[in-house]
Amino acid sequence: MDAGFEAHLRVGGETFDERDAALLRAVAAEGSLNAAASALGRSYSRAHGRIGDLENAAGPLVERRRGGSEGGGSRLTDDARELLAEFDRLQAALAGTAATERLVLDGRVADRDGDLATVETAAGTVRALALTDADDVQVSFRSDAVTLHATETAPGGDETSARNRFRGEVVGVDRGEGTALVRIDVGADGPLVVRVTETSLAALGLEPGVEVVASFKATATRATAAPGVTESAEPPE
């Protein structure tokens, strides 16, 4: 599954993207453009130039304060905050689409038990409903069928044998309004993308580098013939 996406807003003659959003957020957090550029590992001249380009297209975004008792600095204008809100809404809409896509894994059937097949994949062993009699298969499941667990509290195989489990590492977190999209490296070609609530995000401490266990039902997983494979019999109903 390629669940990655890039949100872009057209602002006058400029394209506002995640790098621009990160720059504005850093200005708000750090209180100055210089500190924001440093926090993001960017040069001040490039950050200043980019803000200038955006302001030429969208109007004032950063209000600069010089000297005084507060020592100067920068803060976002109302227009900048509205631009960020609009960008967040676009990201949330795109994230909602991406989060309901399927993760697809190539695998080979190791065993069959009635309608269920045990399949070895690069991400681990998976049990899936077999919709083919082929041995070379693709297994797939929707990311909205996934539940995330902390590694120390994840249920064991003997507790919920009907569930598959992938152990992985969080590689990205995209926050929305009340929810977040968590990208997890489980050893597949692309990340597993799961939407969680802000409460779950905090409770599990989900951030890049954290290990988690993703579980999903075998009955929500499908095994179909790999592309190019010729089946020798009708697939089970």
C-alpha atoms as a PDB file:
ATOM      1  CA  MET A   1       0.000   0.000   0.000  1.00  0.00           C
ATOM      2  CA  ASP A   2       1.261   3.452  -0.803  1.00  0.00           C
ATOM      3  CA  ALA A   3      -0.577   5.335   1.889  1.00  0.00           C
ATOM      4  CA  GLY A   4       1.724   8.317   1.731  1.00  0.00           C
ATOM      5  CA  PHE A   5       0.234  11.601   0.578  1.00  0.00           C
ATOM      6  CA  GLU A   6       1.325  15.195   0.199  1.00  0.00           C
ATOM      7  CA  ALA A   7      -1.085  18.020   0.806  1.00  0.00           C
ATOM      8  CA  HIS A   8      -0.660  21.186  -1.277  1.00  0.00           C
ATOM      9  CA  LEU A   9      -2.573  24.453  -1.181  1.00  0.00           C
ATOM     10  CA  ARG A  10      -2.459  26.997  -3.969  1.00  0.00           C
ATOM     11  CA  VAL A  11      -1.925  30.440  -2.459  1.00  0.00           C
ATOM     12  CA  GLY A  12      -1.825  33.041  -5.180  1.00  0.00           C
ATOM     13  CA  GLY A  13       1.089  31.996  -7.358  1.00  0.00           C
ATOM     14  CA  GLU A  14       2.701  29.882  -4.615  1.00  0.00           C
ATOM     15  CA  THR A  15       2.202  26.283  -3.514  1.00  0.00           C
ATOM     16  CA  PHE A  16       1.916  25.933   0.272  1.00  0.00           C
ATOM     17  CA  ASP A  17       3.067  22.493   1.488  1.00  0.00           C
ATOM     18  CA  GLU A  18       4.128  20.645   4.637  1.00  0.00           C
ATOM     19  CA  ARG A  19       7.553  22.360   4.749  1.00  0.00           C
ATOM     20  CA  ASP A  20       5.841  25.734   4.730  1.00  0.00           C
ATOM     21  CA  ALA A  21       3.388  24.626   7.414  1.00  0.00           C
ATOM     22  CA  ALA A  22       6.278  23.360   9.551  1.00  0.00           C
ATOM     23  CA  LEU A  23       8.021  26.719   9.197  1.00  0.00           C
ATOM     24  CA  LEU A  24       4.973  28.671  10.359  1.00  0.00           C
ATOM     25  CA  ARG A  25       4.404  26.276  13.248  1.00  0.00           C
ATOM     26  CA  ALA A  26       8.046  26.639  14.275  1.00  0.00           C
ATOM     27  CA  VAL A  27       7.735  30.436  14.257  1.00  0.00           C
ATOM     28  CA  ALA A  28       4.718  30.150  16.551  1.00  0.00           C
ATOM     29  CA  ALA A  29       6.538  27.721  18.856  1.00  0.00           C
ATOM     30  CA  GLU A  30       9.946  29.428  18.942  1.00  0.00           C
ATOM     31  CA  GLY A  31       8.842  33.061  18.908  1.00  0.00           C
ATOM     32  CA  SER A  32      11.232  34.177  16.180  1.00  0.00           C
ATOM     33  CA  LEU A  33      12.032  33.351  12.582  1.00  0.00           C
ATOM     34  CA  ASN A  34      15.715  32.890  13.382  1.00  0.00           C
ATOM     35  CA  ALA A  35      14.964  30.357  16.141  1.00  0.00           C
ATOM     36  CA  ALA A  36      12.398  28.625  13.934  1.00  0.00           C
ATOM     37  CA  ALA A  37      14.934  28.174  11.129  1.00  0.00           C
ATOM     38  CA  SER A  38      17.493  26.824  13.598  1.00  0.00           C
ATOM     39  CA  ALA A  39      14.985  24.381  15.108  1.00  0.00           C
ATOM     40  CA  LEU A  40      14.175  23.041  11.640  1.00  0.00           C
ATOM     41  CA  GLY A  41      17.814  22.842  10.559  1.00  0.00           C
ATOM     42  CA  ARG A  42      17.297  25.438   7.826  1.00  0.00           C
ATOM     43  CA  SER A  43      19.265  28.575   7.028  1.00  0.00           C
ATOM     44  CA  TYR A  44      17.786  31.857   8.185  1.00  0.00           C
ATOM     45  CA  SER A  45      18.163  33.403   4.725  1.00  0.00           C
ATOM     46  CA  ARG A  46      16.173  30.611   3.067  1.00  0.00           C
ATOM     47  CA  ALA A  47      13.465  30.704   5.749  1.00  0.00           C
ATOM     48  CA  HIS A  48      13.230  34.491   5.504  1.00  0.00           C
ATOM     49  CA  GLY A  49      13.036  34.303   1.726  1.00  0.00           C
ATOM     50  CA  ARG A  50      10.314  31.671   1.825  1.00  0.00           C
ATOM     51  CA  ILE A  51       8.215  33.707   4.238  1.00  0.00           C
ATOM     52  CA  GLY A  52       8.638  36.671   1.911  1.00  0.00           C
ATOM     53  CA  ASP A  53       7.434  34.649  -1.097  1.00  0.00           C
ATOM     54  CA  LEU A  54       4.393  33.403   0.806  1.00  0.00           C
ATOM     55  CA  GLU A  55       3.548  36.876   2.094  1.00  0.00           C
ATOM     56  CA  ASN A  56       3.735  38.288  -1.421  1.00  0.00           C
ATOM     57  CA  ALA A  57       1.080  35.741  -2.387  1.00  0.00           C
ATOM     58  CA  ALA A  58      -1.067  35.589   0.753  1.00  0.00           C
ATOM     59  CA  GLY A  59      -0.473  38.823   2.649  1.00  0.00           C
ATOM     60  CA  PRO A  60       1.185  39.272   6.067  1.00  0.00           C
ATOM     61  CA  LEU A  61       1.821  35.952   7.833  1.00  0.00           C
ATOM     62  CA  VAL A  62       4.495  36.796  10.388  1.00  0.00           C
ATOM     63  CA  GLU A  63       4.327  39.875  12.582  1.00  0.00           C
ATOM     64  CA  ARG A  64       7.786  41.026  13.561  1.00  0.00           C
ATOM     65  CA  ARG A  65       8.357  42.854  16.839  1.00  0.00           C
ATOM     66  CA  ARG A  66      11.588  44.765  17.375  1.00  0.00           C
ATOM     67  CA  GLY A  67      13.243  45.435  20.729  1.00  0.00           C
ATOM     68  CA  GLY A  68      11.179  46.682  23.641  1.00  0.00           C
ATOM     69  CA  SER A  69      10.736  45.119  27.052  1.00  0.00           C
ATOM     70  CA  GLU A  70       9.933  41.728  25.502  1.00  0.00           C
ATOM     71  CA  GLY A  71      13.125  41.684  23.447  1.00  0.00           C
ATOM     72  CA  GLY A  72      11.488  41.523  20.031  1.00  0.00           C
ATOM     73  CA  GLY A  73      10.622  38.394  18.100  1.00  0.00           C
ATOM     74  CA  SER A  74       7.932  37.166  15.712  1.00  0.00           C
ATOM     75  CA  ARG A  75       4.432  35.782  15.909  1.00  0.00           C
ATOM     76  CA  LEU A  76       1.857  34.536  13.427  1.00  0.00           C
ATOM     77  CA  THR A  77      -0.892  36.762  12.103  1.00  0.00           C
ATOM     78  CA  ASP A  78      -4.531  35.711  12.032  1.00  0.00           C
ATOM     79  CA  ASP A  79      -4.149  35.063   8.302  1.00  0.00           C
ATOM     80  CA  ALA A  80      -1.272  32.674   8.991  1.00  0.00           C
ATOM     81  CA  ARG A  81      -3.276  30.764  11.571  1.00  0.00           C
ATOM     82  CA  GLU A  82      -6.201  30.480   9.165  1.00  0.00           C
ATOM     83  CA  LEU A  83      -3.861  29.263   6.425  1.00  0.00           C
ATOM     84  CA  LEU A  84      -2.538  26.556   8.768  1.00  0.00           C
ATOM     85  CA  ALA A  85      -6.083  25.577   9.734  1.00  0.00           C
ATOM     86  CA  GLU A  86      -7.050  25.245   6.085  1.00  0.00           C
ATOM     87  CA  PHE A  87      -3.957  23.156   5.418  1.00  0.00           C
ATOM     88  CA  ASP A  88      -4.759  20.917   8.406  1.00  0.00           C
ATOM     89  CA  ARG A  89      -8.285  20.381   7.096  1.00  0.00           C
ATOM     90  CA  LEU A  90      -6.885  19.355   3.709  1.00  0.00           C
ATOM     91  CA  GLN A  91      -4.423  16.965   5.338  1.00  0.00           C
ATOM     92  CA  ALA A  92      -7.184  15.431   7.451  1.00  0.00           C
ATOM     93  CA  ALA A  93      -9.301  14.831   4.358  1.00  0.00           C
ATOM     94  CA  LEU A  94      -6.399  13.198   2.529  1.00  0.00           C
ATOM     95  CA  ALA A  95      -5.458  11.195   5.614  1.00  0.00           C
ATOM     96  CA  GLY A  96      -8.986   9.857   5.882  1.00  0.00           C
ATOM     97  CA  THR A  97      -8.693   8.521   2.347  1.00  0.00           C
ATOM     98  CA  ALA A  98      -5.240   7.065   2.863  1.00  0.00           C
ATOM     99  CA  ALA A  99      -6.160   5.419   6.150  1.00  0.00           C
ATOM    100  CA  THR A 100      -8.806   3.216   4.583  1.00  0.00           C
ATOM    101  CA  GLU A 101      -6.556   1.785   1.901  1.00  0.00           C
ATOM    102  CA  ARG A 102      -5.244  -1.759   2.095  1.00  0.00           C
ATOM    103  CA  LEU A 103      -1.807  -3.015   2.998  1.00  0.00           C
ATOM    104  CA  VAL A 104      -0.868  -5.711   0.477  1.00  0.00           C
ATOM    105  CA  LEU A 105       1.883  -8.244   1.175  1.00  0.00           C
ATOM    106  CA  ASP A 106       3.377 -10.901  -1.055  1.00  0.00           C
ATOM    107  CA  GLY A 107       3.557 -14.307   0.616  1.00  0.00           C
ATOM    108  CA  ARG A 108       3.528 -18.060   0.304  1.00  0.00           C
ATOM    109  CA  VAL A 109       1.022 -20.424   1.885  1.00  0.00           C
ATOM    110  CA  ALA A 110       2.636 -22.632   4.524  1.00  0.00           C
ATOM    111  CA  ASP A 111      -0.497 -24.425   5.761  1.00  0.00           C
ATOM    112  CA  ARG A 112      -4.256 -24.567   5.326  1.00  0.00           C
ATOM    113  CA  ASP A 113      -7.011 -25.221   7.848  1.00  0.00           C
ATOM    114  CA  GLY A 114     -10.384 -25.148   6.154  1.00  0.00           C
ATOM    115  CA  ASP A 115     -10.981 -21.661   4.799  1.00  0.00           C
ATOM    116  CA  LEU A 116      -7.979 -20.237   6.647  1.00  0.00           C
ATOM    117  CA  ALA A 117      -4.451 -20.216   5.238  1.00  0.00           C
ATOM    118  CA  THR A 118      -1.222 -19.578   7.102  1.00  0.00           C
ATOM    119  CA  VAL A 119       0.954 -17.361   4.940  1.00  0.00           C
ATOM    120  CA  GLU A 120       4.609 -16.422   5.371  1.00  0.00           C
ATOM    121  CA  THR A 121       5.279 -12.790   4.429  1.00  0.00           C
ATOM    122  CA  ALA A 122       8.181 -10.361   4.778  1.00  0.00           C
ATOM    123  CA  ALA A 123       6.368  -8.757   7.708  1.00  0.00           C
ATOM    124  CA  GLY A 124       5.691 -12.063   9.478  1.00  0.00           C
ATOM    125  CA  THR A 125       3.280 -14.984   9.541  1.00  0.00           C
ATOM    126  CA  VAL A 126      -0.324 -14.129   8.724  1.00  0.00           C
ATOM    127  CA  ARG A 127      -3.543 -16.126   8.920  1.00  0.00           C
ATOM    128  CA  ALA A 128      -6.051 -15.151   6.260  1.00  0.00           C
ATOM    129  CA  LEU A 129      -9.228 -16.262   4.560  1.00  0.00           C
ATOM    130  CA  ALA A 130      -8.038 -18.178   1.495  1.00  0.00           C
ATOM    131  CA  LEU A 131      -9.823 -17.008  -1.636  1.00  0.00           C
ATOM    132  CA  THR A 132      -7.499 -19.070  -3.832  1.00  0.00           C
ATOM    133  CA  ASP A 133      -5.891 -22.497  -3.938  1.00  0.00           C
ATOM    134  CA  ALA A 134      -2.579 -21.034  -5.141  1.00  0.00           C
ATOM    135  CA  ASP A 135       0.501 -21.209  -2.929  1.00  0.00           C
ATOM    136  CA  ASP A 136       1.970 -17.898  -4.087  1.00  0.00           C
ATOM    137  CA  VAL A 137      -0.464 -15.280  -2.815  1.00  0.00           C
ATOM    138  CA  GLN A 138      -1.017 -11.714  -1.813  1.00  0.00           C
ATOM    139  CA  VAL A 139      -2.565 -11.038   1.580  1.00  0.00           C
ATOM    140  CA  SER A 140      -4.377  -7.799   2.235  1.00  0.00           C
ATOM    141  CA  PHE A 141      -6.288  -6.058   4.990  1.00  0.00           C
ATOM    142  CA  ARG A 142      -7.720  -2.633   5.625  1.00  0.00           C
ATOM    143  CA  SER A 143      -5.789  -0.452   8.012  1.00  0.00           C
ATOM    144  CA  ASP A 144      -9.011   0.556   9.787  1.00  0.00           C
ATOM    145  CA  ALA A 145      -9.253  -3.064  10.995  1.00  0.00           C
ATOM    146  CA  VAL A 146      -6.004  -2.689  12.959  1.00  0.00           C
ATOM    147  CA  THR A 147      -5.672  -2.204  16.716  1.00  0.00           C
ATOM    148  CA  LEU A 148      -2.413  -0.878  18.170  1.00  0.00           C
ATOM    149  CA  HIS A 149      -0.953  -2.088  21.469  1.00  0.00           C
ATOM    150  CA  ALA A 150       2.050  -1.219  23.595  1.00  0.00           C
ATOM    151  CA  THR A 151       4.599  -4.024  23.304  1.00  0.00           C
ATOM    152  CA  GLU A 152       4.430  -4.850  27.012  1.00  0.00           C
ATOM    153  CA  THR A 153       0.635  -5.160  27.066  1.00  0.00           C
ATOM    154  CA  ALA A 154      -0.050  -6.717  23.660  1.00  0.00           C
ATOM    155  CA  PRO A 155      -2.140  -9.907  23.847  1.00  0.00           C
ATOM    156  CA  GLY A 156      -0.260 -13.131  23.237  1.00  0.00           C
ATOM    157  CA  GLY A 157      -1.096 -15.670  20.557  1.00  0.00           C
ATOM    158  CA  ASP A 158      -2.699 -18.019  23.038  1.00  0.00           C
ATOM    159  CA  GLU A 159      -5.113 -15.293  24.167  1.00  0.00           C
ATOM    160  CA  THR A 160      -6.526 -14.241  20.814  1.00  0.00           C
ATOM    161  CA  SER A 161      -5.454 -16.873  18.295  1.00  0.00           C
ATOM    162  CA  ALA A 162      -7.816 -15.459  15.662  1.00  0.00           C
ATOM    163  CA  ARG A 163      -5.740 -12.272  15.468  1.00  0.00           C
ATOM    164  CA  ASN A 164      -2.620 -11.566  13.457  1.00  0.00           C
ATOM    165  CA  ARG A 165       0.191  -9.520  14.969  1.00  0.00           C
ATOM    166  CA  PHE A 166       2.927  -7.386  13.476  1.00  0.00           C
ATOM    167  CA  ARG A 167       5.609  -5.847  15.612  1.00  0.00           C
ATOM    168  CA  GLY A 168       6.843  -2.588  14.133  1.00  0.00           C
ATOM    169  CA  GLU A 169       8.339   0.831  14.734  1.00  0.00           C
ATOM    170  CA  VAL A 170       6.525   4.127  14.436  1.00  0.00           C
ATOM    171  CA  VAL A 171       8.140   6.160  11.660  1.00  0.00           C
ATOM    172  CA  GLY A 172       5.747   9.088  11.507  1.00  0.00           C
ATOM    173  CA  VAL A 173       2.774  10.742  13.208  1.00  0.00           C
ATOM    174  CA  ASP A 174       0.492  13.202  11.408  1.00  0.00           C
ATOM    175  CA  ARG A 175      -1.816  14.996  13.832  1.00  0.00           C
ATOM    176  CA  GLY A 176      -5.266  16.153  12.797  1.00  0.00           C
ATOM    177  CA  GLU A 177      -8.218  17.513  14.732  1.00  0.00           C
ATOM    178  CA  GLY A 178      -8.816  15.000  17.533  1.00  0.00           C
ATOM    179  CA  THR A 179      -7.148  12.138  15.677  1.00  0.00           C
ATOM    180  CA  ALA A 180      -3.717  11.268  14.328  1.00  0.00           C
ATOM    181  CA  LEU A 181      -2.432   9.159  11.470  1.00  0.00           C
ATOM    182  CA  VAL A 182       0.352   6.837  12.624  1.00  0.00           C
ATOM    183  CA  ARG A 183       2.763   5.312  10.096  1.00  0.00           C
ATOM    184  CA  ILE A 184       4.433   2.070  11.201  1.00  0.00           C
ATOM    185  CA  ASP A 185       7.311   0.177   9.588  1.00  0.00           C
ATOM    186  CA  VAL A 186       6.384  -3.523   9.806  1.00  0.00           C
ATOM    187  CA  GLY A 187       8.946  -4.744   7.283  1.00  0.00           C
ATOM    188  CA  ALA A 188       6.689  -4.412   4.250  1.00  0.00           C
ATOM    189  CA  ASP A 189       7.396  -2.387   1.117  1.00  0.00           C
ATOM    190  CA  GLY A 190       5.305   0.463   2.496  1.00  0.00           C
ATOM    191  CA  PRO A 191       4.238   1.555   5.972  1.00  0.00           C
ATOM    192  CA  LEU A 192       1.150   0.365   7.799  1.00  0.00           C
ATOM    193  CA  VAL A 193      -0.998   3.468   8.339  1.00  0.00           C
ATOM    194  CA  VAL A 194      -3.458   3.523  11.251  1.00  0.00           C
ATOM    195  CA  ARG A 195      -5.727   6.309  12.489  1.00  0.00           C
ATOM    196  CA  VAL A 196      -5.929   6.672  16.279  1.00  0.00           C
ATOM    197  CA  THR A 197      -7.544   9.142  18.650  1.00  0.00           C
ATOM    198  CA  GLU A 198      -5.436  11.754  20.436  1.00  0.00           C
ATOM    199  CA  THR A 199      -6.225   9.883  23.661  1.00  0.00           C
ATOM    200  CA  SER A 200      -4.762   6.641  22.293  1.00  0.00           C
ATOM    201  CA  LEU A 201      -1.807   8.533  20.860  1.00  0.00           C
ATOM    202  CA  ALA A 202      -0.952   9.858  24.315  1.00  0.00           C
ATOM    203  CA  ALA A 203      -1.755   6.631  26.171  1.00  0.00           C
ATOM    204  CA  LEU A 204       0.518   4.562  23.925  1.00  0.00           C
ATOM    205  CA  GLY A 205       3.184   7.251  23.712  1.00  0.00           C
ATOM    206  CA  LEU A 206       3.186   6.972  19.934  1.00  0.00           C
ATOM    207  CA  GLU A 207       6.025   8.903  18.338  1.00  0.00           C
ATOM    208  CA  PRO A 208       8.783   8.077  15.844  1.00  0.00           C
ATOM    209  CA  GLY A 209      11.076   5.354  17.183  1.00  0.00           C
ATOM    210  CA  VAL A 210       8.495   3.746  19.500  1.00  0.00           C
ATOM    211  CA  GLU A 211       7.846   0.039  18.996  1.00  0.00           C
ATOM    212  CA  VAL A 212       4.240  -1.136  18.876  1.00  0.00           C
ATOM    213  CA  VAL A 213       2.257  -4.254  18.108  1.00  0.00           C
ATOM    214  CA  ALA A 214      -0.439  -4.037  15.441  1.00  0.00           C
ATOM    215  CA  SER A 215      -3.134  -6.705  15.604  1.00  0.00           C
ATOM    216  CA  PHE A 216      -5.947  -7.499  13.179  1.00  0.00           C
ATOM    217  CA  LYS A 217      -8.394 -10.360  12.760  1.00  0.00           C
ATOM    218  CA  ALA A 218      -7.625 -13.279  10.485  1.00  0.00           C
ATOM    219  CA  THR A 219     -11.185 -13.020   9.189  1.00  0.00           C
ATOM    220  CA  ALA A 220     -10.483  -9.440   8.086  1.00  0.00           C
ATOM    221  CA  THR A 221      -7.480 -10.606   6.062  1.00  0.00           C
ATOM    222  CA  ARG A 222      -7.732 -11.941   2.503  1.00  0.00           C
ATOM    223  CA  ALA A 223      -5.338 -14.185   0.588  1.00  0.00           C
ATOM    224  CA  THR A 224      -5.664 -14.020  -3.193  1.00  0.00           C
ATOM    225  CA  ALA A 225      -3.537 -15.441  -5.985  1.00  0.00           C
ATOM    226  CA  ALA A 226      -0.376 -13.475  -6.692  1.00  0.00           C
ATOM    227  CA  PRO A 227      -0.303 -11.658 -10.056  1.00  0.00           C
ATOM    228  CA  GLY A 228       0.576 -14.044 -12.860  1.00  0.00           C
ATOM    229  CA  VAL A 229      -0.260 -17.189 -10.890  1.00  0.00           C
ATOM    230  CA  THR A 230      -2.554 -19.700 -12.596  1.00  0.00           C
ATOM    231  CA  GLU A 231      -4.943 -21.484 -10.270  1.00  0.00           C
ATOM    232  CA  SER A 232      -5.456 -25.207 -10.670  1.00  0.00           C
ATOM    233  CA  ALA A 233      -8.960 -25.287  -9.222  1.00  0.00           C
ATOM    234  CA  GLU A 234     -11.871 -23.057  -8.380  1.00  0.00           C
ATOM    235  CA  PRO A 235     -11.233 -20.973  -5.264  1.00  0.00           C
ATOM    236  CA  PRO A 236     -13.194 -21.973  -2.176  1.00  0.00           C
ATOM    237  CA  GLU A 237     -16.494 -20.206  -1.679  1.00  0.00           C
END
